[in-house]
């Protein structure tokens, strides 16, 4: 049984990813060349990976995302295009990093098509072997991965040192009931759109929907501490 379908009945040993047998392929640009509201839920369970100066990989599993589109008022590209949001109008498959409240960095990935502001905000990541809420929120996520405006416009590519890898085989596909879809949070406009998704069995979600209680620690989905093998998208023999 998948560890996400029924976390209450799953033994702890089966609730973590068996990383040694879970090769993860970097997501190709074509994955992002779709509307944000389609990409966002499919990023749940995927991995954010950064190659550190030491050569070691820092990685975590995406457990919460939000979609934004130029046609709605919560999007940075709504009715305006400026130097600060230019990346959001670019080709899909690039990181868009902006500063919130003048102090916090927020990490997005550009989606859909060029000249149309569209993107997915990475809201929370579950880090293996670390406190469950160390990256539970956009600002905490960016801080943990040391992502800032210097990464804005960078391709989502292993060769650039920061990328997204597909779901480990154990989690692909995710059963629909494992995700909760809600309205977005922390915005003053466009609140009615149900464009936020999160992994219900994770305790690393930034904020749960009203009435949705967090699972107990012994019942929650966890991520194994050992890094899975990563493969570039160009390895066709490893395509999902």
Protein backbone atom coordinates (compact mmCIF):
# COMPACT_ATOMS: atom_id res chain seq x y z
CA UNK A 1 0.00 0.00 0.00
CA UNK A 2 1.21 3.49 -0.77
CA UNK A 3 2.37 5.37 2.34
CA UNK A 4 0.20 8.29 1.29
CA UNK A 5 -3.12 6.56 0.69
CA UNK A 6 -3.64 5.58 4.32
CA UNK A 7 -0.89 6.86 6.57
CA UNK A 8 -2.82 5.82 9.69
CA UNK A 9 -2.46 2.13 8.89
CA UNK A 10 1.04 2.20 7.44
CA UNK A 11 3.98 1.01 9.58
CA UNK A 12 6.72 3.65 10.10
CA UNK A 13 9.22 1.64 8.07
CA UNK A 14 6.92 1.85 5.06
CA UNK A 15 6.16 5.55 5.43
CA UNK A 16 9.58 6.68 4.27
CA UNK A 17 11.01 6.63 0.80
CA UNK A 18 13.39 3.75 0.18
CA UNK A 19 15.95 6.06 -1.39
CA UNK A 20 18.41 3.36 -2.38
CA UNK A 21 15.96 2.06 -4.99
CA UNK A 22 14.31 5.34 -5.95
CA UNK A 23 16.15 6.93 -8.89
CA UNK A 24 14.87 10.45 -9.56
CA UNK A 25 14.95 12.00 -13.02
CA UNK A 26 15.28 15.76 -13.40
CA UNK A 27 12.12 17.26 -14.85
CA UNK A 28 12.43 18.31 -18.51
CA UNK A 29 11.37 21.74 -19.74
CA UNK A 30 8.32 20.21 -21.41
CA UNK A 31 6.95 19.37 -17.97
CA UNK A 32 6.66 23.09 -17.22
CA UNK A 33 5.21 24.08 -20.60
CA UNK A 34 1.66 23.78 -19.29
CA UNK A 35 -0.66 26.07 -17.29
CA UNK A 36 0.39 26.57 -13.69
CA UNK A 37 -2.80 25.04 -12.30
CA UNK A 38 -1.86 21.77 -14.01
CA UNK A 39 1.81 21.81 -13.04
CA UNK A 40 1.33 22.80 -9.38
CA UNK A 41 -0.38 19.62 -8.13
CA UNK A 42 2.01 17.46 -10.14
CA UNK A 43 4.98 19.05 -8.36
CA UNK A 44 3.79 17.63 -5.04
CA UNK A 45 6.11 14.71 -4.29
CA UNK A 46 8.81 16.00 -6.63
CA UNK A 47 12.19 17.00 -5.24
CA UNK A 48 13.94 20.35 -5.01
CA UNK A 49 17.67 19.72 -5.34
CA UNK A 50 20.67 22.01 -4.93
CA UNK A 51 24.31 21.15 -5.46
CA UNK A 52 26.33 22.80 -2.73
CA UNK A 53 29.85 24.18 -3.04
CA UNK A 54 31.15 21.01 -1.41
CA UNK A 55 29.56 18.98 -4.20
CA UNK A 56 27.04 17.41 -1.84
CA UNK A 57 23.34 17.54 -2.71
CA UNK A 58 20.83 19.34 -0.54
CA UNK A 59 17.33 18.14 -1.31
CA UNK A 60 13.81 17.95 -0.02
CA UNK A 61 10.36 16.85 -1.15
CA UNK A 62 7.84 19.46 -2.28
CA UNK A 63 4.68 19.14 -0.18
CA UNK A 64 2.84 22.40 -0.93
CA UNK A 65 2.44 24.58 -4.03
CA UNK A 66 0.33 27.43 -5.39
CA UNK A 67 -0.47 28.39 -8.99
CA UNK A 68 -0.56 31.94 -10.39
CA UNK A 69 -1.68 33.24 -13.78
CA UNK A 70 -1.53 36.63 -15.49
CA UNK A 71 -5.32 36.71 -15.86
CA UNK A 72 -5.96 36.91 -12.10
CA UNK A 73 -5.12 39.76 -9.68
CA UNK A 74 -2.89 37.83 -7.27
CA UNK A 75 -0.30 37.24 -9.98
CA UNK A 76 2.74 39.52 -10.13
CA UNK A 77 2.23 39.84 -13.87
CA UNK A 78 -1.39 40.97 -13.63
CA UNK A 79 -1.75 44.11 -15.78
CA UNK A 80 1.92 44.96 -15.53
CA UNK A 81 5.31 43.88 -16.82
CA UNK A 82 8.41 45.32 -15.20
CA UNK A 83 12.11 44.56 -14.73
CA UNK A 84 11.35 42.93 -11.38
CA UNK A 85 8.86 40.41 -12.81
CA UNK A 86 10.34 40.00 -16.29
CA UNK A 87 11.38 36.40 -15.58
CA UNK A 88 7.75 35.46 -15.04
CA UNK A 89 7.05 36.39 -18.66
CA UNK A 90 9.92 34.27 -19.96
CA UNK A 91 10.24 30.71 -21.18
CA UNK A 92 8.88 27.95 -18.94
CA UNK A 93 11.33 25.95 -16.86
CA UNK A 94 13.14 28.85 -15.17
CA UNK A 95 13.20 29.95 -11.55
CA UNK A 96 11.45 33.19 -10.67
CA UNK A 97 12.64 34.51 -7.31
CA UNK A 98 11.16 37.64 -5.78
CA UNK A 99 11.43 39.45 -2.46
CA UNK A 100 8.36 39.62 -0.22
CA UNK A 101 7.94 42.45 2.30
CA UNK A 102 11.43 43.59 1.42
CA UNK A 103 13.11 40.78 3.35
CA UNK A 104 11.88 37.29 2.38
CA UNK A 105 12.74 35.46 -0.81
CA UNK A 106 10.09 33.30 -2.49
CA UNK A 107 10.90 30.60 -5.05
CA UNK A 108 8.71 29.99 -8.10
CA UNK A 109 9.08 28.08 -11.33
CA UNK A 110 7.87 29.67 -14.58
CA UNK A 111 5.26 27.67 -16.47
CA UNK A 112 3.09 27.57 -19.61
CA UNK A 113 4.52 29.87 -22.32
CA UNK A 114 6.64 32.94 -22.98
CA UNK A 115 5.08 36.41 -22.83
CA UNK A 116 2.35 35.16 -20.51
CA UNK A 117 2.97 35.48 -16.76
CA UNK A 118 2.41 32.05 -15.28
CA UNK A 119 4.13 30.24 -12.47
CA UNK A 120 4.06 27.95 -9.45
CA UNK A 121 5.12 29.08 -5.99
CA UNK A 122 6.97 26.43 -3.98
CA UNK A 123 5.39 26.91 -0.56
CA UNK A 124 6.85 24.09 1.52
CA UNK A 125 9.40 21.29 1.37
CA UNK A 126 9.92 18.31 3.69
CA UNK A 127 13.63 17.92 4.45
CA UNK A 128 15.05 14.46 5.19
CA UNK A 129 16.51 14.07 8.65
CA UNK A 130 15.73 17.66 9.66
CA UNK A 131 13.06 19.39 11.78
CA UNK A 132 9.72 18.92 10.06
CA UNK A 133 9.01 22.65 9.75
CA UNK A 134 12.45 23.89 8.75
CA UNK A 135 11.16 24.67 5.23
CA UNK A 136 7.43 24.97 5.99
CA UNK A 137 6.70 28.20 4.15
CA UNK A 138 8.09 30.12 1.16
CA UNK A 139 10.55 32.23 3.16
CA UNK A 140 11.80 29.28 5.22
CA UNK A 141 12.20 27.21 2.06
CA UNK A 142 14.31 29.87 0.36
CA UNK A 143 16.40 30.34 3.49
CA UNK A 144 17.10 26.63 3.93
CA UNK A 145 18.26 26.29 0.32
CA UNK A 146 20.03 29.68 0.31
CA UNK A 147 18.04 30.79 -2.74
CA UNK A 148 17.93 34.52 -3.48
CA UNK A 149 17.50 36.98 -6.33
CA UNK A 150 20.77 35.73 -7.77
CA UNK A 151 18.89 32.60 -8.81
CA UNK A 152 16.17 34.56 -10.60
CA UNK A 153 16.00 33.59 -14.28
CA UNK A 154 18.18 30.52 -13.80
CA UNK A 155 17.11 27.44 -15.80
CA UNK A 156 15.71 24.52 -13.82
CA UNK A 157 18.66 22.35 -14.78
CA UNK A 158 21.14 20.13 -12.93
CA UNK A 159 23.93 21.83 -14.86
CA UNK A 160 23.02 25.09 -13.12
CA UNK A 161 23.20 23.54 -9.67
CA UNK A 162 19.52 24.00 -8.76
CA UNK A 163 16.77 21.86 -10.21
CA UNK A 164 13.61 19.83 -9.72
CA UNK A 165 13.57 16.04 -9.90
CA UNK A 166 10.54 13.86 -10.51
CA UNK A 167 8.74 11.84 -7.90
CA UNK A 168 10.45 8.69 -6.64
CA UNK A 169 8.78 5.59 -8.13
CA UNK A 170 7.19 4.76 -4.78
CA UNK A 171 5.11 7.94 -5.02
CA UNK A 172 4.30 8.01 -8.71
CA UNK A 173 1.48 8.37 -9.31
CA UNK A 174 0.08 10.01 -6.21
CA UNK A 175 -3.46 8.89 -5.39
CA UNK A 176 -5.84 11.87 -5.82
CA UNK A 177 -7.05 11.57 -2.23
CA UNK A 178 -3.52 12.19 -0.92
CA UNK A 179 -3.69 15.86 -1.98
CA UNK A 180 -5.88 18.60 -0.57
CA UNK A 181 -6.84 21.46 -2.87
CA UNK A 182 -7.70 24.79 -1.24
CA UNK A 183 -7.76 28.51 -1.89
CA UNK A 184 -4.40 30.28 -1.79
CA UNK A 185 -3.19 31.98 1.37
CA UNK A 186 -1.31 35.16 2.24
CA UNK A 187 -2.86 37.18 -0.60
CA UNK A 188 -5.33 40.08 -0.64
CA UNK A 189 -6.85 39.43 -4.07
CA UNK A 190 -7.93 36.34 -5.96
CA UNK A 191 -8.59 34.38 -2.76
CA UNK A 192 -11.50 32.49 -4.29
CA UNK A 193 -9.39 30.50 -6.75
CA UNK A 194 -8.68 26.99 -5.38
CA UNK A 195 -5.10 26.99 -6.59
CA UNK A 196 -3.21 25.67 -3.58
CA UNK A 197 -2.35 22.01 -3.13
CA UNK A 198 -0.63 20.15 -0.32
CA UNK A 199 0.23 16.65 0.78
CA UNK A 200 -2.25 15.81 3.53
CA UNK A 201 -0.03 13.27 5.28
CA UNK A 202 2.89 15.71 5.67
CA UNK A 203 3.55 17.75 8.79
CA UNK A 204 5.75 20.15 6.78
CA UNK A 205 2.82 22.06 5.22
CA UNK A 206 2.93 25.80 5.98
CA UNK A 207 -0.74 26.11 6.93
CA UNK A 208 -3.48 23.52 6.84
CA UNK A 209 -7.03 24.14 5.68
CA UNK A 210 -9.65 24.70 8.34
CA UNK A 211 -10.81 21.38 9.72
CA UNK A 212 -7.85 19.43 8.33
CA UNK A 213 -5.84 18.26 11.30
CA UNK A 214 -2.17 17.45 10.98
CA UNK A 215 -1.34 13.76 11.29
CA UNK A 216 0.35 12.61 14.46
CA UNK A 217 4.15 12.35 14.15
CA UNK A 218 4.04 8.57 14.22
CA UNK A 219 1.43 8.55 11.44
CA UNK A 220 2.86 11.26 9.18
CA UNK A 221 4.64 10.67 5.90
CA UNK A 222 8.40 11.04 6.28
CA UNK A 223 11.31 11.29 3.86
CA UNK A 224 14.30 8.96 4.15
CA UNK A 225 17.55 10.69 5.02
CA UNK A 226 19.69 8.99 2.37
CA UNK A 227 19.83 10.84 -0.94
CA UNK A 228 18.31 8.98 -3.91
CA UNK A 229 20.30 8.68 -7.13
CA UNK A 230 19.52 11.54 -9.49
CA UNK A 231 19.55 11.35 -13.27
CA UNK A 232 19.40 14.13 -15.86
CA UNK A 233 16.31 14.33 -18.06
CA UNK A 234 18.46 13.60 -21.12
CA UNK A 235 18.78 9.97 -20.03
CA UNK A 236 15.86 8.64 -22.01
CA UNK A 237 16.19 5.21 -20.47
CA UNK A 238 15.24 6.78 -17.15
CA UNK A 239 12.27 8.83 -18.30
CA UNK A 240 9.16 8.34 -16.14
